[in-house]
All heavy atoms as atom14 arrays in JSON, in Angstrom:
{
  "sequence": "SALVSAPLSTSGITPSATPLPLHKPTGPTT",
  "atom14_mask": [
    [1, 1, 1, 1, 1, 1, 0, 0, 0, 0, 0, 0, 0, 0],
    [1, 1, 1, 1, 1, 0, 0, 0, 0, 0, 0, 0, 0, 0],
    [1, 1, 1, 1, 1, 1, 1, 1, 0, 0, 0, 0, 0, 0],
    [1, 1, 1, 1, 1, 1, 1, 0, 0, 0, 0, 0, 0, 0],
    [1, 1, 1, 1, 1, 1, 0, 0, 0, 0, 0, 0, 0, 0],
    [1, 1, 1, 1, 1, 0, 0, 0, 0, 0, 0, 0, 0, 0],
    [1, 1, 1, 1, 1, 1, 1, 0, 0, 0, 0, 0, 0, 0],
    [1, 1, 1, 1, 1, 1, 1, 1, 0, 0, 0, 0, 0, 0],
    [1, 1, 1, 1, 1, 1, 0, 0, 0, 0, 0, 0, 0, 0],
    [1, 1, 1, 1, 1, 1, 1, 0, 0, 0, 0, 0, 0, 0],
    [1, 1, 1, 1, 1, 1, 0, 0, 0, 0, 0, 0, 0, 0],
    [1, 1, 1, 1, 0, 0, 0, 0, 0, 0, 0, 0, 0, 0],
    [1, 1, 1, 1, 1, 1, 1, 1, 0, 0, 0, 0, 0, 0],
    [1, 1, 1, 1, 1, 1, 1, 0, 0, 0, 0, 0, 0, 0],
    [1, 1, 1, 1, 1, 1, 1, 0, 0, 0, 0, 0, 0, 0],
    [1, 1, 1, 1, 1, 1, 0, 0, 0, 0, 0, 0, 0, 0],
    [1, 1, 1, 1, 1, 0, 0, 0, 0, 0, 0, 0, 0, 0],
    [1, 1, 1, 1, 1, 1, 1, 0, 0, 0, 0, 0, 0, 0],
    [1, 1, 1, 1, 1, 1, 1, 0, 0, 0, 0, 0, 0, 0],
    [1, 1, 1, 1, 1, 1, 1, 1, 0, 0, 0, 0, 0, 0],
    [1, 1, 1, 1, 1, 1, 1, 0, 0, 0, 0, 0, 0, 0],
    [1, 1, 1, 1, 1, 1, 1, 1, 0, 0, 0, 0, 0, 0],
    [1, 1, 1, 1, 1, 1, 1, 1, 1, 1, 0, 0, 0, 0],
    [1, 1, 1, 1, 1, 1, 1, 1, 1, 0, 0, 0, 0, 0],
    [1, 1, 1, 1, 1, 1, 1, 0, 0, 0, 0, 0, 0, 0],
    [1, 1, 1, 1, 1, 1, 1, 0, 0, 0, 0, 0, 0, 0],
    [1, 1, 1, 1, 0, 0, 0, 0, 0, 0, 0, 0, 0, 0],
    [1, 1, 1, 1, 1, 1, 1, 0, 0, 0, 0, 0, 0, 0],
    [1, 1, 1, 1, 1, 1, 1, 0, 0, 0, 0, 0, 0, 0],
    [1, 1, 1, 1, 1, 1, 1, 0, 0, 0, 0, 0, 0, 0]
  ],
  "atom14_positions": [
    [[0.8, -1.22, 0.0], [0.0, 0.0, 0.0], [0.84, 1.27, 0.0], [0.3, 2.37, 0.05], [-0.91, 0.02, 1.23], [-0.12, -0.01, 2.41], [0.0, 0.0, 0.0], [0.0, 0.0, 0.0], [0.0, 0.0, 0.0], [0.0, 0.0, 0.0], [0.0, 0.0, 0.0], [0.0, 0.0, 0.0], [0.0, 0.0, 0.0], [0.0, 0.0, 0.0]],
    [[2.15, 1.15, -0.08], [3.0, 2.34, 0.04], [2.79, 3.33, -1.09], [3.01, 4.53, -0.94], [4.47, 1.92, 0.08], [0.0, 0.0, 0.0], [0.0, 0.0, 0.0], [0.0, 0.0, 0.0], [0.0, 0.0, 0.0], [0.0, 0.0, 0.0], [0.0, 0.0, 0.0], [0.0, 0.0, 0.0], [0.0, 0.0, 0.0], [0.0, 0.0, 0.0]],
    [[2.34, 2.85, -2.25], [2.16, 3.73, -3.39], [0.74, 4.26, -3.51], [0.45, 5.05, -4.4], [2.52, 2.99, -4.69], [3.97, 2.53, -4.81], [4.15, 1.69, -6.06], [4.91, 3.71, -4.82], [0.0, 0.0, 0.0], [0.0, 0.0, 0.0], [0.0, 0.0, 0.0], [0.0, 0.0, 0.0], [0.0, 0.0, 0.0], [0.0, 0.0, 0.0]],
    [[-0.14, 3.81, -2.65], [-1.54, 4.19, -2.75], [-1.77, 5.48, -1.96], [-1.31, 5.63, -0.85], [-2.45, 3.07, -2.21], [-3.92, 3.47, -2.33], [-2.18, 1.79, -2.97], [0.0, 0.0, 0.0], [0.0, 0.0, 0.0], [0.0, 0.0, 0.0], [0.0, 0.0, 0.0], [0.0, 0.0, 0.0], [0.0, 0.0, 0.0], [0.0, 0.0, 0.0]],
    [[-2.48, 6.41, -2.58], [-2.69, 7.72, -1.94], [-3.64, 7.61, -0.76], [-4.7, 7.02, -0.87], [-3.3, 8.7, -2.95], [-2.34, 9.08, -3.89], [0.0, 0.0, 0.0], [0.0, 0.0, 0.0], [0.0, 0.0, 0.0], [0.0, 0.0, 0.0], [0.0, 0.0, 0.0], [0.0, 0.0, 0.0], [0.0, 0.0, 0.0], [0.0, 0.0, 0.0]],
    [[-3.23, 8.19, 0.35], [-4.19, 8.5, 1.39], [-4.85, 9.81, 0.99], [-4.29, 10.59, 0.23], [-3.48, 8.64, 2.73], [0.0, 0.0, 0.0], [0.0, 0.0, 0.0], [0.0, 0.0, 0.0], [0.0, 0.0, 0.0], [0.0, 0.0, 0.0], [0.0, 0.0, 0.0], [0.0, 0.0, 0.0], [0.0, 0.0, 0.0], [0.0, 0.0, 0.0]],
    [[-6.07, 10.06, 1.46], [-6.7, 11.35, 1.14], [-5.79, 12.5, 1.56], [-5.33, 12.56, 2.69], [-7.99, 11.32, 1.95], [-8.3, 9.87, 2.12], [-6.95, 9.2, 2.25], [0.0, 0.0, 0.0], [0.0, 0.0, 0.0], [0.0, 0.0, 0.0], [0.0, 0.0, 0.0], [0.0, 0.0, 0.0], [0.0, 0.0, 0.0], [0.0, 0.0, 0.0]],
    [[-5.49, 13.4, 0.63], [-4.58, 14.49, 0.9], [-5.35, 15.79, 1.05], [-6.32, 16.04, 0.36], [-3.56, 14.63, -0.25], [-2.69, 13.39, -0.5], [-1.79, 13.62, -1.7], [-1.86, 13.07, 0.73], [0.0, 0.0, 0.0], [0.0, 0.0, 0.0], [0.0, 0.0, 0.0], [0.0, 0.0, 0.0], [0.0, 0.0, 0.0], [0.0, 0.0, 0.0]],
    [[-4.9, 16.63, 1.96], [-5.57, 17.89, 2.2], [-5.03, 18.96, 1.26], [-3.83, 19.06, 1.06], [-5.36, 18.33, 3.65], [-5.83, 19.64, 3.85], [0.0, 0.0, 0.0], [0.0, 0.0, 0.0], [0.0, 0.0, 0.0], [0.0, 0.0, 0.0], [0.0, 0.0, 0.0], [0.0, 0.0, 0.0], [0.0, 0.0, 0.0], [0.0, 0.0, 0.0]],
    [[-5.91, 19.75, 0.7], [-5.5, 20.89, -0.11], [-5.92, 22.19, 0.56], [-6.1, 23.21, -0.09], [-6.14, 20.81, -1.51], [-7.55, 20.67, -1.36], [-5.61, 19.63, -2.29], [0.0, 0.0, 0.0], [0.0, 0.0, 0.0], [0.0, 0.0, 0.0], [0.0, 0.0, 0.0], [0.0, 0.0, 0.0], [0.0, 0.0, 0.0], [0.0, 0.0, 0.0]],
    [[-6.04, 22.13, 1.87], [-6.53, 23.3, 2.59], [-5.56, 24.47, 2.51], [-5.92, 25.6, 2.77], [-6.79, 22.95, 4.07], [-5.6, 22.47, 4.67], [0.0, 0.0, 0.0], [0.0, 0.0, 0.0], [0.0, 0.0, 0.0], [0.0, 0.0, 0.0], [0.0, 0.0, 0.0], [0.0, 0.0, 0.0], [0.0, 0.0, 0.0], [0.0, 0.0, 0.0]],
    [[-4.31, 24.19, 2.14], [-3.33, 25.26, 2.04], [-3.48, 26.09, 0.78], [-2.82, 27.1, 0.62], [0.0, 0.0, 0.0], [0.0, 0.0, 0.0], [0.0, 0.0, 0.0], [0.0, 0.0, 0.0], [0.0, 0.0, 0.0], [0.0, 0.0, 0.0], [0.0, 0.0, 0.0], [0.0, 0.0, 0.0], [0.0, 0.0, 0.0], [0.0, 0.0, 0.0]],
    [[-4.32, 25.68, -0.14], [-4.54, 26.42, -1.37], [-5.72, 27.35, -1.16], [-6.84, 26.91, -0.94], [-4.8, 25.49, -2.55], [-3.64, 24.5, -2.72], [-5.0, 26.27, -3.83], [-3.85, 23.52, -3.85], [0.0, 0.0, 0.0], [0.0, 0.0, 0.0], [0.0, 0.0, 0.0], [0.0, 0.0, 0.0], [0.0, 0.0, 0.0], [0.0, 0.0, 0.0]],
    [[-5.47, 28.63, -1.25], [-6.54, 29.6, -1.04], [-6.79, 30.34, -2.34], [-5.95, 31.12, -2.78], [-6.16, 30.61, 0.05], [-5.85, 29.89, 1.25], [-7.31, 31.57, 0.32], [0.0, 0.0, 0.0], [0.0, 0.0, 0.0], [0.0, 0.0, 0.0], [0.0, 0.0, 0.0], [0.0, 0.0, 0.0], [0.0, 0.0, 0.0], [0.0, 0.0, 0.0]],
    [[-7.93, 30.13, -2.97], [-8.21, 30.82, -4.22], [-8.58, 32.28, -3.97], [-8.84, 32.69, -2.85], [-9.4, 30.04, -4.78], [-10.08, 29.52, -3.57], [-9.0, 29.24, -2.55], [0.0, 0.0, 0.0], [0.0, 0.0, 0.0], [0.0, 0.0, 0.0], [0.0, 0.0, 0.0], [0.0, 0.0, 0.0], [0.0, 0.0, 0.0], [0.0, 0.0, 0.0]],
    [[-8.6, 33.02, -5.07], [-8.88, 34.45, -4.95], [-10.36, 34.74, -4.81], [-10.75, 35.78, -4.31], [-8.33, 35.18, -6.17], [-8.95, 34.68, -7.35], [0.0, 0.0, 0.0], [0.0, 0.0, 0.0], [0.0, 0.0, 0.0], [0.0, 0.0, 0.0], [0.0, 0.0, 0.0], [0.0, 0.0, 0.0], [0.0, 0.0, 0.0], [0.0, 0.0, 0.0]],
    [[-11.21, 33.83, -5.28], [-12.64, 34.12, -5.29], [-13.43, 32.97, -4.69], [-13.68, 32.92, -3.5], [-13.09, 34.42, -6.72], [0.0, 0.0, 0.0], [0.0, 0.0, 0.0], [0.0, 0.0, 0.0], [0.0, 0.0, 0.0], [0.0, 0.0, 0.0], [0.0, 0.0, 0.0], [0.0, 0.0, 0.0], [0.0, 0.0, 0.0], [0.0, 0.0, 0.0]],
    [[-13.82, 32.03, -5.53], [-14.66, 30.93, -5.07], [-13.82, 29.85, -4.4], [-12.63, 29.71, -4.67], [-15.42, 30.32, -6.25], [-14.46, 29.89, -7.22], [-16.33, 31.34, -6.88], [0.0, 0.0, 0.0], [0.0, 0.0, 0.0], [0.0, 0.0, 0.0], [0.0, 0.0, 0.0], [0.0, 0.0, 0.0], [0.0, 0.0, 0.0], [0.0, 0.0, 0.0]],
    [[-14.41, 29.05, -3.52], [-13.65, 27.99, -2.87], [-13.3, 26.87, -3.84], [-13.99, 26.65, -4.82], [-14.62, 27.47, -1.78], [-15.97, 27.82, -2.3], [-15.8, 29.11, -3.05], [0.0, 0.0, 0.0], [0.0, 0.0, 0.0], [0.0, 0.0, 0.0], [0.0, 0.0, 0.0], [0.0, 0.0, 0.0], [0.0, 0.0, 0.0], [0.0, 0.0, 0.0]],
    [[-12.22, 26.2, -3.55], [-11.84, 25.05, -4.36], [-12.88, 23.96, -4.24], [-13.52, 23.82, -3.2], [-10.48, 24.51, -3.91], [-9.25, 25.34, -4.28], [-8.04, 24.82, -3.55], [-9.02, 25.3, -5.77], [0.0, 0.0, 0.0], [0.0, 0.0, 0.0], [0.0, 0.0, 0.0], [0.0, 0.0, 0.0], [0.0, 0.0, 0.0], [0.0, 0.0, 0.0]],
    [[-13.05, 23.15, -5.28], [-14.05, 22.09, -5.22], [-13.54, 20.89, -4.43], [-13.39, 19.79, -4.96], [-14.26, 21.75, -6.7], [-12.93, 22.04, -7.32], [-12.39, 23.22, -6.59], [0.0, 0.0, 0.0], [0.0, 0.0, 0.0], [0.0, 0.0, 0.0], [0.0, 0.0, 0.0], [0.0, 0.0, 0.0], [0.0, 0.0, 0.0], [0.0, 0.0, 0.0]],
    [[-13.22, 21.12, -3.17], [-12.69, 20.05, -2.34], [-13.83, 19.14, -1.88], [-14.97, 19.55, -1.74], [-11.97, 20.61, -1.12], [-10.82, 21.58, -1.42], [-10.13, 21.97, -0.13], [-9.84, 20.96, -2.39], [0.0, 0.0, 0.0], [0.0, 0.0, 0.0], [0.0, 0.0, 0.0], [0.0, 0.0, 0.0], [0.0, 0.0, 0.0], [0.0, 0.0, 0.0]],
    [[-13.48, 17.9, -1.63], [-14.48, 16.94, -1.21], [-14.02, 16.26, 0.06], [-12.84, 16.05, 0.29], [-14.7, 15.91, -2.32], [-15.11, 16.53, -3.61], [-14.31, 16.53, -4.72], [-16.22, 17.21, -3.95], [-14.91, 17.17, -5.7], [-16.07, 17.6, -5.26], [0.0, 0.0, 0.0], [0.0, 0.0, 0.0], [0.0, 0.0, 0.0], [0.0, 0.0, 0.0]],
    [[-14.97, 15.92, 0.88], [-14.66, 15.29, 2.15], [-14.19, 13.84, 1.91], [-14.49, 13.25, 0.89], [-15.9, 15.3, 3.04], [-16.39, 16.71, 3.37], [-17.68, 16.65, 4.17], [-18.2, 18.05, 4.45], [-19.48, 18.02, 5.2], [0.0, 0.0, 0.0], [0.0, 0.0, 0.0], [0.0, 0.0, 0.0], [0.0, 0.0, 0.0], [0.0, 0.0, 0.0]],
    [[-13.45, 13.25, 2.88], [-13.01, 11.86, 2.73], [-14.14, 10.87, 2.52], [-13.9, 9.75, 2.11], [-12.25, 11.6, 4.03], [-11.79, 12.94, 4.48], [-12.88, 13.89, 4.07], [0.0, 0.0, 0.0], [0.0, 0.0, 0.0], [0.0, 0.0, 0.0], [0.0, 0.0, 0.0], [0.0, 0.0, 0.0], [0.0, 0.0, 0.0], [0.0, 0.0, 0.0]],
    [[-15.37, 11.26, 2.83], [-16.5, 10.36, 2.61], [-16.93, 10.33, 1.15], [-17.84, 9.59, 0.79], [-17.7, 10.79, 3.47], [-17.96, 12.18, 3.24], [-17.4, 10.58, 4.94], [0.0, 0.0, 0.0], [0.0, 0.0, 0.0], [0.0, 0.0, 0.0], [0.0, 0.0, 0.0], [0.0, 0.0, 0.0], [0.0, 0.0, 0.0], [0.0, 0.0, 0.0]],
    [[-16.3, 11.11, 0.31], [-16.61, 11.09, -1.11], [-17.07, 12.43, -1.62], [-17.23, 13.38, -0.85], [0.0, 0.0, 0.0], [0.0, 0.0, 0.0], [0.0, 0.0, 0.0], [0.0, 0.0, 0.0], [0.0, 0.0, 0.0], [0.0, 0.0, 0.0], [0.0, 0.0, 0.0], [0.0, 0.0, 0.0], [0.0, 0.0, 0.0], [0.0, 0.0, 0.0]],
    [[-17.29, 12.53, -2.92], [-17.7, 13.79, -3.52], [-18.99, 14.32, -2.92], [-19.94, 13.57, -2.69], [-17.9, 13.42, -5.0], [-17.05, 12.22, -5.21], [-17.09, 11.47, -3.91], [0.0, 0.0, 0.0], [0.0, 0.0, 0.0], [0.0, 0.0, 0.0], [0.0, 0.0, 0.0], [0.0, 0.0, 0.0], [0.0, 0.0, 0.0], [0.0, 0.0, 0.0]],
    [[-19.01, 15.61, -2.66], [-20.2, 16.23, -2.1], [-21.14, 16.63, -3.22], [-20.86, 16.45, -4.39], [-19.81, 17.48, -1.29], [-19.32, 18.48, -2.21], [-18.74, 17.16, -0.28], [0.0, 0.0, 0.0], [0.0, 0.0, 0.0], [0.0, 0.0, 0.0], [0.0, 0.0, 0.0], [0.0, 0.0, 0.0], [0.0, 0.0, 0.0], [0.0, 0.0, 0.0]],
    [[-22.24, 17.2, -2.85], [-23.23, 17.63, -3.84], [-23.0, 19.07, -4.29], [-23.8, 19.63, -5.01], [-24.65, 17.52, -3.27], [-24.72, 18.3, -2.06], [-25.0, 16.09, -2.96], [0.0, 0.0, 0.0], [0.0, 0.0, 0.0], [0.0, 0.0, 0.0], [0.0, 0.0, 0.0], [0.0, 0.0, 0.0], [0.0, 0.0, 0.0], [0.0, 0.0, 0.0]]
  ]
}
């Protein structure tokens, strides 16, 4: 499993206007 991605946080990316389309570890949101 060493090559398999764990869910990674992109909270450090702050856009200038709208929020990034981030999704929770439970899967894509609506």
